[in-house]
Amino acid sequence: MSISMNEHPHSLASGEHLLEVRDLVVEFAVRERSGVKGAKVQAVSGLSFDISPGETLGVVGETGCGKSTMARAVMQAARPKSGEVIFEGQDLTKLSNKDLQDVRKHLQIIFQDPFSSVDPRWRVKNIIEEPLIIHGAGNPEEREKRVTELLDLVGLDINIHGNRRPRELSGGQCQRVAIARALALSPRLMVCDEAVSSLDVSIQAQILNLLIRLRQELGLSYLFIAHDLAVVKYLSDRVAVMYLGRFCEIGPAELLYLQPLHPYTTALLDAIPNTGGHPSKHHEELGIEAPSPINPPSGCRYRTRCPRAQERCALEEPQMRFLAPGHGVACHFPNNSNTSEPRD
């Protein structure tokens, strides 16, 4: 059995989404010492989105907003309470663990800390070969050739790095090994969960450029999660902004950064350090800390921090509506409207 760099058992019709997530909900029980008996945290609250073949969807938001929980729910690493995760036409939430293992050949994840995501005792070539062995791909000679190809693909030399252990690598080199391992079974979708946030800025740029090149060469799609808006913009075709388990805005990357519709998006953009000496054109501040996800505010979850909040915001939960092609916002009083006259 040979091992192909682009071997995929499923094909998608033109215009069909690679991944569709519908009304995803993930809850966690809270210990009683929280002061609320039987309390639960709804870390992800009814998220819906899709990713097309070859597309990168970036997801950005503050720490604790539920980004990583969403990523793991997409992978079924933590089964969601409800909702659908449809990958290549199959609803992953309905698959058995055995069937899910077969699907995961083509749905891989890259974690934030490359050193904690690999076995520190193993050599690099064994780390990359592991998924090939687990899934019975090829004979030893074919697997060795595949490992060499993968290391070369991510910019490493098997003769130099193949016999090293993770502690003998830099952070950037170890993340390249993690990427090579994720590519071993020719995935179609890569979930990048803060994949560059633990790296130095110069190394971040190298890994981002590598991810872009791999997308072009292998036809990959990415669900790219980060808290750095500049990083997300650099890689993404579309960006979704997440707050307390929900999307508050989603749209084309350039449009969202130039014309943000949600006050929270505006505040995040204003929080980016400005080294050019020019004041921000948005002038929005985040203000107080985010409320507890155990007891989120009624209506709009952002209203307790929003300078534009009105009575309607406490009474009615805003729904996602599209005010421009592909550019949606969940806000009663978006930035392009008169705050005294809600738009429906």
C-alpha atoms as a PDB file:
ATOM      1  CA  MET A   1       0.000   0.000   0.000  1.00  0.00           C
ATOM      2  CA  SER A   2       1.538   3.292  -1.066  1.00  0.00           C
ATOM      3  CA  ILE A   3       1.028   6.492   0.905  1.00  0.00           C
ATOM      4  CA  SER A   4      -0.208   9.419  -1.174  1.00  0.00           C
ATOM      5  CA  MET A   5       0.261  13.056  -0.226  1.00  0.00           C
ATOM      6  CA  ASN A   6      -3.257  13.848  -1.459  1.00  0.00           C
ATOM      7  CA  GLU A   7      -5.205  10.655  -0.821  1.00  0.00           C
ATOM      8  CA  HIS A   8      -8.812  11.439   0.135  1.00  0.00           C
ATOM      9  CA  PRO A   9     -11.647   8.891   0.021  1.00  0.00           C
ATOM     10  CA  HIS A  10     -14.423  11.485  -0.177  1.00  0.00           C
ATOM     11  CA  SER A  11     -15.092  14.020  -2.876  1.00  0.00           C
ATOM     12  CA  LEU A  12     -17.258  17.102  -2.563  1.00  0.00           C
ATOM     13  CA  ALA A  13     -19.555  18.512  -5.180  1.00  0.00           C
ATOM     14  CA  SER A  14     -18.791  21.993  -6.440  1.00  0.00           C
ATOM     15  CA  GLY A  15     -19.948  24.617  -3.924  1.00  0.00           C
ATOM     16  CA  GLU A  16     -20.425  22.091  -1.108  1.00  0.00           C
ATOM     17  CA  HIS A  17     -19.033  22.944   2.319  1.00  0.00           C
ATOM     18  CA  LEU A  18     -16.237  20.828   3.759  1.00  0.00           C
ATOM     19  CA  LEU A  19     -17.372  21.489   7.335  1.00  0.00           C
ATOM     20  CA  GLU A  20     -20.788  22.584   8.575  1.00  0.00           C
ATOM     21  CA  VAL A  21     -21.421  23.302  12.256  1.00  0.00           C
ATOM     22  CA  ARG A  22     -25.011  23.879  13.318  1.00  0.00           C
ATOM     23  CA  ASP A  23     -26.268  25.047  16.737  1.00  0.00           C
ATOM     24  CA  LEU A  24     -23.254  23.654  18.614  1.00  0.00           C
ATOM     25  CA  VAL A  25     -23.652  23.624  22.410  1.00  0.00           C
ATOM     26  CA  VAL A  26     -21.018  22.505  24.926  1.00  0.00           C
ATOM     27  CA  GLU A  27     -21.646  22.531  28.684  1.00  0.00           C
ATOM     28  CA  PHE A  28     -19.473  21.739  31.706  1.00  0.00           C
ATOM     29  CA  ALA A  29     -20.611  21.059  35.249  1.00  0.00           C
ATOM     30  CA  VAL A  30     -19.242  23.422  37.898  1.00  0.00           C
ATOM     31  CA  ARG A  31     -18.074  22.290  41.328  1.00  0.00           C
ATOM     32  CA  GLU A  32     -20.316  23.326  44.199  1.00  0.00           C
ATOM     33  CA  ARG A  33     -17.581  25.512  45.687  1.00  0.00           C
ATOM     34  CA  SER A  34     -18.487  28.007  42.958  1.00  0.00           C
ATOM     35  CA  GLY A  35     -21.386  28.941  45.197  1.00  0.00           C
ATOM     36  CA  VAL A  36     -24.066  27.873  42.723  1.00  0.00           C
ATOM     37  CA  LYS A  37     -25.347  24.344  43.341  1.00  0.00           C
ATOM     38  CA  GLY A  38     -25.723  22.341  40.151  1.00  0.00           C
ATOM     39  CA  ALA A  39     -24.379  25.197  38.046  1.00  0.00           C
ATOM     40  CA  LYS A  40     -23.166  24.649  34.526  1.00  0.00           C
ATOM     41  CA  VAL A  41     -20.981  26.667  32.226  1.00  0.00           C
ATOM     42  CA  GLN A  42     -22.291  26.822  28.683  1.00  0.00           C
ATOM     43  CA  ALA A  43     -18.877  27.336  27.107  1.00  0.00           C
ATOM     44  CA  VAL A  44     -20.276  27.202  23.576  1.00  0.00           C
ATOM     45  CA  SER A  45     -23.803  28.474  23.012  1.00  0.00           C
ATOM     46  CA  GLY A  46     -25.449  27.611  19.704  1.00  0.00           C
ATOM     47  CA  LEU A  47     -22.599  28.301  17.279  1.00  0.00           C
ATOM     48  CA  SER A  48     -23.194  27.852  13.551  1.00  0.00           C
ATOM     49  CA  PHE A  49     -20.629  28.261  10.775  1.00  0.00           C
ATOM     50  CA  ASP A  50     -19.195  26.543   7.729  1.00  0.00           C
ATOM     51  CA  ILE A  51     -15.850  26.179   5.971  1.00  0.00           C
ATOM     52  CA  SER A  52     -15.470  25.622   2.233  1.00  0.00           C
ATOM     53  CA  PRO A  53     -12.679  23.594   0.596  1.00  0.00           C
ATOM     54  CA  GLY A  54      -9.461  25.618   0.564  1.00  0.00           C
ATOM     55  CA  GLU A  55     -10.834  28.279   2.918  1.00  0.00           C
ATOM     56  CA  THR A  56      -9.450  29.551   6.229  1.00  0.00           C
ATOM     57  CA  LEU A  57     -11.913  30.675   8.884  1.00  0.00           C
ATOM     58  CA  GLY A  58     -10.251  32.576  11.710  1.00  0.00           C
ATOM     59  CA  VAL A  59     -11.868  32.705  15.151  1.00  0.00           C
ATOM     60  CA  VAL A  60     -10.761  35.434  17.547  1.00  0.00           C
ATOM     61  CA  GLY A  61     -11.772  36.493  21.042  1.00  0.00           C
ATOM     62  CA  GLU A  62     -10.577  37.008  24.594  1.00  0.00           C
ATOM     63  CA  THR A  63      -9.170  34.196  26.719  1.00  0.00           C
ATOM     64  CA  GLY A  64     -12.031  32.156  28.142  1.00  0.00           C
ATOM     65  CA  CYS A  65     -14.567  32.964  25.424  1.00  0.00           C
ATOM     66  CA  GLY A  66     -14.819  29.304  24.353  1.00  0.00           C
ATOM     67  CA  LYS A  67     -12.582  29.169  21.267  1.00  0.00           C
ATOM     68  CA  SER A  68     -10.592  26.097  22.291  1.00  0.00           C
ATOM     69  CA  THR A  69     -13.692  24.331  23.595  1.00  0.00           C
ATOM     70  CA  MET A  70     -15.301  24.874  20.203  1.00  0.00           C
ATOM     71  CA  ALA A  71     -12.210  23.444  18.469  1.00  0.00           C
ATOM     72  CA  ARG A  72     -12.287  20.294  20.588  1.00  0.00           C
ATOM     73  CA  ALA A  73     -16.028  19.919  20.040  1.00  0.00           C
ATOM     74  CA  VAL A  74     -15.491  20.068  16.278  1.00  0.00           C
ATOM     75  CA  MET A  75     -12.912  17.283  16.673  1.00  0.00           C
ATOM     76  CA  GLN A  76     -15.286  15.411  19.023  1.00  0.00           C
ATOM     77  CA  ALA A  77     -12.498  15.365  21.591  1.00  0.00           C
ATOM     78  CA  ALA A  78     -15.183  16.640  23.961  1.00  0.00           C
ATOM     79  CA  ARG A  79     -18.585  15.541  22.722  1.00  0.00           C
ATOM     80  CA  PRO A  80     -21.003  18.482  22.490  1.00  0.00           C
ATOM     81  CA  LYS A  81     -24.275  18.526  24.395  1.00  0.00           C
ATOM     82  CA  SER A  82     -26.181  19.186  21.184  1.00  0.00           C
ATOM     83  CA  GLY A  83     -25.783  20.386  17.625  1.00  0.00           C
ATOM     84  CA  GLU A  84     -24.337  18.984  14.430  1.00  0.00           C
ATOM     85  CA  VAL A  85     -20.750  18.822  13.155  1.00  0.00           C
ATOM     86  CA  ILE A  86     -20.970  17.707   9.535  1.00  0.00           C
ATOM     87  CA  PHE A  87     -17.626  16.920   7.904  1.00  0.00           C
ATOM     88  CA  GLU A  88     -17.615  15.709   4.292  1.00  0.00           C
ATOM     89  CA  GLY A  89     -21.313  14.887   4.584  1.00  0.00           C
ATOM     90  CA  GLN A  90     -21.059  12.906   7.834  1.00  0.00           C
ATOM     91  CA  ASP A  91     -22.429  14.136  11.166  1.00  0.00           C
ATOM     92  CA  LEU A  92     -19.537  13.427  13.538  1.00  0.00           C
ATOM     93  CA  THR A  93     -21.756  13.699  16.611  1.00  0.00           C
ATOM     94  CA  LYS A  94     -23.584  10.527  15.538  1.00  0.00           C
ATOM     95  CA  LEU A  95     -20.498   8.403  14.776  1.00  0.00           C
ATOM     96  CA  SER A  96     -19.146   5.689  17.033  1.00  0.00           C
ATOM     97  CA  ASN A  97     -15.612   6.040  18.352  1.00  0.00           C
ATOM     98  CA  LYS A  98     -14.380   3.502  15.803  1.00  0.00           C
ATOM     99  CA  ASP A  99     -15.981   5.290  12.859  1.00  0.00           C
ATOM    100  CA  LEU A 100     -14.768   8.618  14.221  1.00  0.00           C
ATOM    101  CA  GLN A 101     -11.178   7.342  14.210  1.00  0.00           C
ATOM    102  CA  ASP A 102     -11.456   6.669  10.476  1.00  0.00           C
ATOM    103  CA  VAL A 103     -12.767  10.201   9.836  1.00  0.00           C
ATOM    104  CA  ARG A 104      -9.975  11.776  11.877  1.00  0.00           C
ATOM    105  CA  LYS A 105      -7.499  10.756   9.186  1.00  0.00           C
ATOM    106  CA  HIS A 106      -8.782  13.783   7.311  1.00  0.00           C
ATOM    107  CA  LEU A 107      -9.515  16.083  10.241  1.00  0.00           C
ATOM    108  CA  GLN A 108      -6.441  16.962  12.301  1.00  0.00           C
ATOM    109  CA  ILE A 109      -5.583  19.441  15.064  1.00  0.00           C
ATOM    110  CA  ILE A 110      -2.437  21.426  15.941  1.00  0.00           C
ATOM    111  CA  PHE A 111      -2.176  22.535  19.556  1.00  0.00           C
ATOM    112  CA  GLN A 112      -0.751  25.659  21.180  1.00  0.00           C
ATOM    113  CA  ASP A 113       2.207  24.081  22.993  1.00  0.00           C
ATOM    114  CA  PRO A 114       4.142  21.819  20.607  1.00  0.00           C
ATOM    115  CA  PHE A 115       6.244  20.296  23.407  1.00  0.00           C
ATOM    116  CA  SER A 116       3.239  19.076  25.405  1.00  0.00           C
ATOM    117  CA  SER A 117       1.568  17.651  22.274  1.00  0.00           C
ATOM    118  CA  VAL A 118       4.375  15.177  21.491  1.00  0.00           C
ATOM    119  CA  ASP A 119       5.974  12.368  23.517  1.00  0.00           C
ATOM    120  CA  PRO A 120       9.220  13.785  24.955  1.00  0.00           C
ATOM    121  CA  ARG A 121      10.858  10.320  24.915  1.00  0.00           C
ATOM    122  CA  TRP A 122      10.328   9.651  21.222  1.00  0.00           C
ATOM    123  CA  ARG A 123      12.524  10.669  18.335  1.00  0.00           C
ATOM    124  CA  VAL A 124      11.137  12.977  15.678  1.00  0.00           C
ATOM    125  CA  LYS A 125      10.844  10.299  13.001  1.00  0.00           C
ATOM    126  CA  ASN A 126       8.871   8.050  15.383  1.00  0.00           C
ATOM    127  CA  ILE A 127       6.527  10.897  16.348  1.00  0.00           C
ATOM    128  CA  ILE A 128       5.649  11.519  12.704  1.00  0.00           C
ATOM    129  CA  GLU A 129       5.372   7.826  11.850  1.00  0.00           C
ATOM    130  CA  GLU A 130       2.973   7.081  14.724  1.00  0.00           C
ATOM    131  CA  PRO A 131      -0.311   7.999  12.948  1.00  0.00           C
ATOM    132  CA  LEU A 132       0.765   5.977   9.904  1.00  0.00           C
ATOM    133  CA  ILE A 133       1.279   2.916  12.101  1.00  0.00           C
ATOM    134  CA  ILE A 134      -2.000   3.422  13.980  1.00  0.00           C
ATOM    135  CA  HIS A 135      -3.981   3.567  10.742  1.00  0.00           C
ATOM    136  CA  GLY A 136      -2.026   0.772   9.043  1.00  0.00           C
ATOM    137  CA  ALA A 137      -0.704   2.960   6.233  1.00  0.00           C
ATOM    138  CA  GLY A 138       2.043   1.379   4.122  1.00  0.00           C
ATOM    139  CA  ASN A 139       4.929  -0.937   4.961  1.00  0.00           C
ATOM    140  CA  PRO A 140       8.038   0.154   6.916  1.00  0.00           C
ATOM    141  CA  GLU A 141       9.882   1.301   3.785  1.00  0.00           C
ATOM    142  CA  GLU A 142       6.909   3.342   2.560  1.00  0.00           C
ATOM    143  CA  ARG A 143       6.423   4.894   5.980  1.00  0.00           C
ATOM    144  CA  GLU A 144      10.097   5.853   6.163  1.00  0.00           C
ATOM    145  CA  LYS A 145       9.822   7.535   2.757  1.00  0.00           C
ATOM    146  CA  ARG A 146       6.668   9.321   3.868  1.00  0.00           C
ATOM    147  CA  VAL A 147       8.334  10.638   7.042  1.00  0.00           C
ATOM    148  CA  THR A 148      11.205  11.999   4.938  1.00  0.00           C
ATOM    149  CA  GLU A 149       8.711  13.719   2.598  1.00  0.00           C
ATOM    150  CA  LEU A 150       6.811  15.244   5.510  1.00  0.00           C
ATOM    151  CA  LEU A 151       9.903  16.611   7.215  1.00  0.00           C
ATOM    152  CA  ASP A 152      11.046  18.131   3.950  1.00  0.00           C
ATOM    153  CA  LEU A 153       7.584  19.624   3.453  1.00  0.00           C
ATOM    154  CA  VAL A 154       7.794  21.524   6.752  1.00  0.00           C
ATOM    155  CA  GLY A 155      11.405  22.610   6.231  1.00  0.00           C
ATOM    156  CA  LEU A 156      13.303  20.037   8.302  1.00  0.00           C
ATOM    157  CA  ASP A 157      15.986  17.533   7.262  1.00  0.00           C
ATOM    158  CA  ILE A 158      15.540  13.938   8.384  1.00  0.00           C
ATOM    159  CA  ASN A 159      19.315  13.465   8.508  1.00  0.00           C
ATOM    160  CA  ILE A 160      19.631  16.370  10.943  1.00  0.00           C
ATOM    161  CA  HIS A 161      16.364  16.293  12.874  1.00  0.00           C
ATOM    162  CA  GLY A 162      15.025  12.746  12.418  1.00  0.00           C
ATOM    163  CA  ASN A 163      16.802  11.218  15.421  1.00  0.00           C
ATOM    164  CA  ARG A 164      16.423  14.189  17.736  1.00  0.00           C
ATOM    165  CA  ARG A 165      14.029  14.262  20.663  1.00  0.00           C
ATOM    166  CA  PRO A 166      11.704  17.222  21.320  1.00  0.00           C
ATOM    167  CA  ARG A 167      13.993  18.693  24.005  1.00  0.00           C
ATOM    168  CA  GLU A 168      16.693  19.038  21.344  1.00  0.00           C
ATOM    169  CA  LEU A 169      14.464  21.229  19.172  1.00  0.00           C
ATOM    170  CA  SER A 170      13.494  24.893  19.306  1.00  0.00           C
ATOM    171  CA  GLY A 171       9.841  25.844  19.741  1.00  0.00           C
ATOM    172  CA  GLY A 172       9.476  26.571  16.054  1.00  0.00           C
ATOM    173  CA  GLN A 173      11.119  23.289  15.036  1.00  0.00           C
ATOM    174  CA  CYS A 174       8.898  21.330  17.423  1.00  0.00           C
ATOM    175  CA  GLN A 175       5.783  22.990  16.011  1.00  0.00           C
ATOM    176  CA  ARG A 176       6.959  22.026  12.514  1.00  0.00           C
ATOM    177  CA  VAL A 177       7.191  18.429  13.726  1.00  0.00           C
ATOM    178  CA  ALA A 178       3.632  18.686  15.097  1.00  0.00           C
ATOM    179  CA  ILE A 179       2.463  20.020  11.724  1.00  0.00           C
ATOM    180  CA  ALA A 180       4.255  17.214   9.880  1.00  0.00           C
ATOM    181  CA  ARG A 181       2.575  14.638  12.111  1.00  0.00           C
ATOM    182  CA  ALA A 182      -0.826  16.244  11.468  1.00  0.00           C
ATOM    183  CA  LEU A 183      -0.180  16.050   7.716  1.00  0.00           C
ATOM    184  CA  ALA A 184       0.855  12.397   7.773  1.00  0.00           C
ATOM    185  CA  LEU A 185      -2.560  11.032   6.754  1.00  0.00           C
ATOM    186  CA  SER A 186      -3.313  13.752   4.163  1.00  0.00           C
ATOM    187  CA  PRO A 187      -6.049  15.660   6.030  1.00  0.00           C
ATOM    188  CA  ARG A 188      -8.471  18.006   4.317  1.00  0.00           C
ATOM    189  CA  LEU A 189      -9.120  20.215   7.347  1.00  0.00           C
ATOM    190  CA  MET A 190      -6.627  21.368   9.975  1.00  0.00           C
ATOM    191  CA  VAL A 191      -7.824  22.857  13.252  1.00  0.00           C
ATOM    192  CA  CYS A 192      -5.125  25.237  14.529  1.00  0.00           C
ATOM    193  CA  ASP A 193      -5.798  25.944  18.211  1.00  0.00           C
ATOM    194  CA  GLU A 194      -3.539  28.907  19.121  1.00  0.00           C
ATOM    195  CA  ALA A 195      -0.874  27.182  17.023  1.00  0.00           C
ATOM    196  CA  VAL A 196       1.551  30.135  17.011  1.00  0.00           C
ATOM    197  CA  SER A 197       0.748  32.006  20.231  1.00  0.00           C
ATOM    198  CA  SER A 198       3.537  30.366  22.264  1.00  0.00           C
ATOM    199  CA  LEU A 199       6.231  31.212  19.685  1.00  0.00           C
ATOM    200  CA  ASP A 200       8.453  34.252  19.259  1.00  0.00           C
ATOM    201  CA  VAL A 201       7.145  36.851  16.830  1.00  0.00           C
ATOM    202  CA  SER A 202       9.739  36.070  14.146  1.00  0.00           C
ATOM    203  CA  ILE A 203       9.017  32.341  14.448  1.00  0.00           C
ATOM    204  CA  GLN A 204       5.283  33.028  14.308  1.00  0.00           C
ATOM    205  CA  ALA A 205       5.762  34.612  10.896  1.00  0.00           C
ATOM    206  CA  GLN A 206       7.686  31.571   9.653  1.00  0.00           C
ATOM    207  CA  ILE A 207       4.985  29.140  10.827  1.00  0.00           C
ATOM    208  CA  LEU A 208       2.207  31.294   9.374  1.00  0.00           C
ATOM    209  CA  ASN A 209       3.977  31.408   6.015  1.00  0.00           C
ATOM    210  CA  LEU A 210       4.414  27.636   6.206  1.00  0.00           C
ATOM    211  CA  LEU A 211       0.680  27.164   6.846  1.00  0.00           C
ATOM    212  CA  ILE A 212      -0.171  29.416   3.893  1.00  0.00           C
ATOM    213  CA  ARG A 213       2.200  27.481   1.609  1.00  0.00           C
ATOM    214  CA  LEU A 214       0.771  24.140   2.736  1.00  0.00           C
ATOM    215  CA  ARG A 215      -2.758  25.367   2.062  1.00  0.00           C
ATOM    216  CA  GLN A 216      -1.766  26.320  -1.471  1.00  0.00           C
ATOM    217  CA  GLU A 217       0.215  23.168  -2.219  1.00  0.00           C
ATOM    218  CA  LEU A 218      -2.063  20.599  -0.560  1.00  0.00           C
ATOM    219  CA  GLY A 219      -5.468  22.271  -0.890  1.00  0.00           C
ATOM    220  CA  LEU A 220      -5.973  22.393   2.873  1.00  0.00           C
ATOM    221  CA  SER A 221      -8.708  24.202   4.774  1.00  0.00           C
ATOM    222  CA  TYR A 222      -8.098  25.695   8.219  1.00  0.00           C
ATOM    223  CA  LEU A 223     -10.130  26.525  11.291  1.00  0.00           C
ATOM    224  CA  PHE A 224      -7.598  28.948  12.759  1.00  0.00           C
ATOM    225  CA  ILE A 225      -8.092  30.022  16.375  1.00  0.00           C
ATOM    226  CA  ALA A 226      -6.121  32.824  18.015  1.00  0.00           C
ATOM    227  CA  HIS A 227      -6.459  35.859  20.246  1.00  0.00           C
ATOM    228  CA  ASP A 228      -4.126  38.018  18.133  1.00  0.00           C
ATOM    229  CA  LEU A 229      -6.200  39.860  15.535  1.00  0.00           C
ATOM    230  CA  ALA A 230      -3.185  40.734  13.380  1.00  0.00           C
ATOM    231  CA  VAL A 231      -2.241  37.050  13.119  1.00  0.00           C
ATOM    232  CA  VAL A 232      -5.806  36.028  12.289  1.00  0.00           C
ATOM    233  CA  LYS A 233      -6.115  38.671   9.578  1.00  0.00           C
ATOM    234  CA  TYR A 234      -2.837  37.577   7.955  1.00  0.00           C
ATOM    235  CA  LEU A 235      -4.006  33.996   7.441  1.00  0.00           C
ATOM    236  CA  SER A 236      -7.794  34.085   7.203  1.00  0.00           C
ATOM    237  CA  ASP A 237     -10.295  34.510   4.387  1.00  0.00           C
ATOM    238  CA  ARG A 238     -13.108  35.112   6.873  1.00  0.00           C
ATOM    239  CA  VAL A 239     -13.029  36.017  10.568  1.00  0.00           C
ATOM    240  CA  ALA A 240     -15.530  35.215  13.321  1.00  0.00           C
ATOM    241  CA  VAL A 241     -15.431  37.205  16.574  1.00  0.00           C
ATOM    242  CA  MET A 242     -16.434  35.214  19.663  1.00  0.00           C
ATOM    243  CA  TYR A 243     -17.673  36.494  23.023  1.00  0.00           C
ATOM    244  CA  LEU A 244     -18.855  34.354  25.946  1.00  0.00           C
ATOM    245  CA  GLY A 245     -19.561  31.297  23.820  1.00  0.00           C
ATOM    246  CA  ARG A 246     -21.254  33.037  20.881  1.00  0.00           C
ATOM    247  CA  PHE A 247     -20.271  34.680  17.633  1.00  0.00           C
ATOM    248  CA  CYS A 248     -21.021  38.390  17.692  1.00  0.00           C
ATOM    249  CA  GLU A 249     -19.664  39.149  14.204  1.00  0.00           C
ATOM    250  CA  ILE A 250     -18.469  37.242  11.161  1.00  0.00           C
ATOM    251  CA  GLY A 251     -17.322  38.449   7.775  1.00  0.00           C
ATOM    252  CA  PRO A 252     -14.563  38.727   5.176  1.00  0.00           C
ATOM    253  CA  ALA A 253     -11.266  39.466   6.917  1.00  0.00           C
ATOM    254  CA  GLU A 254     -10.472  42.763   5.185  1.00  0.00           C
ATOM    255  CA  LEU A 255     -14.014  44.111   5.534  1.00  0.00           C
ATOM    256  CA  LEU A 256     -14.302  43.160   9.196  1.00  0.00           C
ATOM    257  CA  TYR A 257     -11.055  44.931  10.050  1.00  0.00           C
ATOM    258  CA  LEU A 258     -11.852  48.047   8.006  1.00  0.00           C
ATOM    259  CA  GLN A 259     -15.545  48.334   8.905  1.00  0.00           C
ATOM    260  CA  PRO A 260     -16.302  46.439  12.144  1.00  0.00           C
ATOM    261  CA  LEU A 261     -20.015  46.289  12.919  1.00  0.00           C
ATOM    262  CA  HIS A 262     -20.018  45.062  16.533  1.00  0.00           C
ATOM    263  CA  PRO A 263     -18.787  47.283  19.404  1.00  0.00           C
ATOM    264  CA  TYR A 264     -16.791  44.345  20.778  1.00  0.00           C
ATOM    265  CA  THR A 265     -14.944  43.900  17.484  1.00  0.00           C
ATOM    266  CA  THR A 266     -14.193  47.610  17.518  1.00  0.00           C
ATOM    267  CA  ALA A 267     -12.837  47.375  21.070  1.00  0.00           C
ATOM    268  CA  LEU A 268     -10.604  44.430  20.143  1.00  0.00           C
ATOM    269  CA  LEU A 269      -9.200  46.375  17.192  1.00  0.00           C
ATOM    270  CA  ASP A 270      -8.559  49.391  19.422  1.00  0.00           C
ATOM    271  CA  ALA A 271      -6.659  47.119  21.829  1.00  0.00           C
ATOM    272  CA  ILE A 272      -4.021  46.337  19.178  1.00  0.00           C
ATOM    273  CA  PRO A 273      -0.836  48.291  20.082  1.00  0.00           C
ATOM    274  CA  ASN A 274      -0.398  51.263  17.763  1.00  0.00           C
ATOM    275  CA  THR A 275       3.229  51.965  16.864  1.00  0.00           C
ATOM    276  CA  GLY A 276       2.503  54.436  14.076  1.00  0.00           C
ATOM    277  CA  GLY A 277       1.700  57.387  16.303  1.00  0.00           C
ATOM    278  CA  HIS A 278      -1.807  57.722  14.852  1.00  0.00           C
ATOM    279  CA  PRO A 279      -4.895  57.506  17.093  1.00  0.00           C
ATOM    280  CA  SER A 280      -7.389  54.716  16.511  1.00  0.00           C
ATOM    281  CA  LYS A 281     -10.254  55.614  14.214  1.00  0.00           C
ATOM    282  CA  HIS A 282     -12.726  53.477  16.174  1.00  0.00           C
ATOM    283  CA  HIS A 283     -12.347  54.802  19.755  1.00  0.00           C
ATOM    284  CA  GLU A 284     -13.984  51.948  21.657  1.00  0.00           C
ATOM    285  CA  GLU A 285     -12.865  50.522  25.007  1.00  0.00           C
ATOM    286  CA  LEU A 286     -13.531  47.150  26.584  1.00  0.00           C
ATOM    287  CA  GLY A 287     -14.077  48.605  30.048  1.00  0.00           C
ATOM    288  CA  ILE A 288     -14.815  46.164  32.878  1.00  0.00           C
ATOM    289  CA  GLU A 289     -13.852  42.492  32.836  1.00  0.00           C
ATOM    290  CA  ALA A 290     -16.089  39.972  31.119  1.00  0.00           C
ATOM    291  CA  PRO A 291     -18.944  38.609  33.273  1.00  0.00           C
ATOM    292  CA  SER A 292     -18.942  35.034  34.528  1.00  0.00           C
ATOM    293  CA  PRO A 293     -20.011  32.402  31.982  1.00  0.00           C
ATOM    294  CA  ILE A 294     -21.841  30.631  34.818  1.00  0.00           C
ATOM    295  CA  ASN A 295     -24.375  33.463  34.930  1.00  0.00           C
ATOM    296  CA  PRO A 296     -24.083  35.499  31.723  1.00  0.00           C
ATOM    297  CA  PRO A 297     -26.099  38.709  31.328  1.00  0.00           C
ATOM    298  CA  SER A 298     -29.606  38.528  29.934  1.00  0.00           C
ATOM    299  CA  GLY A 299     -30.224  39.604  26.373  1.00  0.00           C
ATOM    300  CA  CYS A 300     -26.955  40.645  24.770  1.00  0.00           C
ATOM    301  CA  ARG A 301     -24.040  39.118  26.651  1.00  0.00           C
ATOM    302  CA  TYR A 302     -21.807  42.072  25.810  1.00  0.00           C
ATOM    303  CA  ARG A 303     -24.213  44.733  27.117  1.00  0.00           C
ATOM    304  CA  THR A 304     -22.548  45.102  30.558  1.00  0.00           C
ATOM    305  CA  ARG A 305     -19.382  46.355  28.840  1.00  0.00           C
ATOM    306  CA  CYS A 306     -20.946  48.109  25.864  1.00  0.00           C
ATOM    307  CA  PRO A 307     -21.145  51.933  25.761  1.00  0.00           C
ATOM    308  CA  ARG A 308     -23.993  51.682  23.236  1.00  0.00           C
ATOM    309  CA  ALA A 309     -26.230  49.420  25.352  1.00  0.00           C
ATOM    310  CA  GLN A 310     -29.892  50.349  25.767  1.00  0.00           C
ATOM    311  CA  GLU A 311     -32.919  48.792  27.439  1.00  0.00           C
ATOM    312  CA  ARG A 312     -33.606  46.512  24.490  1.00  0.00           C
ATOM    313  CA  CYS A 313     -30.166  44.929  24.896  1.00  0.00           C
ATOM    314  CA  ALA A 314     -31.112  43.561  28.344  1.00  0.00           C
ATOM    315  CA  LEU A 315     -34.491  42.244  27.214  1.00  0.00           C
ATOM    316  CA  GLU A 316     -33.799  40.698  23.826  1.00  0.00           C
ATOM    317  CA  GLU A 317     -30.945  38.509  22.651  1.00  0.00           C
ATOM    318  CA  PRO A 318     -29.622  39.838  19.324  1.00  0.00           C
ATOM    319  CA  GLN A 319     -29.589  37.375  16.441  1.00  0.00           C
ATOM    320  CA  MET A 320     -27.001  37.216  13.678  1.00  0.00           C
ATOM    321  CA  ARG A 321     -28.115  39.300  10.676  1.00  0.00           C
ATOM    322  CA  PHE A 322     -26.193  40.160   7.551  1.00  0.00           C
ATOM    323  CA  LEU A 323     -25.896  43.861   6.759  1.00  0.00           C
ATOM    324  CA  ALA A 324     -23.501  43.342   3.838  1.00  0.00           C
ATOM    325  CA  PRO A 325     -22.669  40.322   1.646  1.00  0.00           C
ATOM    326  CA  GLY A 326     -21.146  37.732   3.967  1.00  0.00           C
ATOM    327  CA  HIS A 327     -20.811  40.260   6.825  1.00  0.00           C
ATOM    328  CA  GLY A 328     -23.053  39.440   9.771  1.00  0.00           C
ATOM    329  CA  VAL A 329     -23.456  40.941  13.234  1.00  0.00           C
ATOM    330  CA  ALA A 330     -25.418  39.979  16.353  1.00  0.00           C
ATOM    331  CA  CYS A 331     -26.177  43.461  17.694  1.00  0.00           C
ATOM    332  CA  HIS A 332     -29.297  45.597  18.028  1.00  0.00           C
ATOM    333  CA  PHE A 333     -27.302  48.777  17.409  1.00  0.00           C
ATOM    334  CA  PRO A 334     -24.384  47.974  15.085  1.00  0.00           C
ATOM    335  CA  ASN A 335     -21.737  50.554  14.324  1.00  0.00           C
ATOM    336  CA  ASN A 336     -23.244  51.597  11.006  1.00  0.00           C
ATOM    337  CA  SER A 337     -26.674  52.393  12.452  1.00  0.00           C
ATOM    338  CA  ASN A 338     -28.248  55.131  14.540  1.00  0.00           C
ATOM    339  CA  THR A 339     -28.183  53.991  18.190  1.00  0.00           C
ATOM    340  CA  SER A 340     -31.601  55.530  18.790  1.00  0.00           C
ATOM    341  CA  GLU A 341     -33.242  53.508  16.031  1.00  0.00           C
ATOM    342  CA  PRO A 342     -32.739  49.709  16.160  1.00  0.00           C
ATOM    343  CA  ARG A 343     -32.419  47.983  12.794  1.00  0.00           C
ATOM    344  CA  ASP A 344     -34.144  44.669  12.128  1.00  0.00           C
END
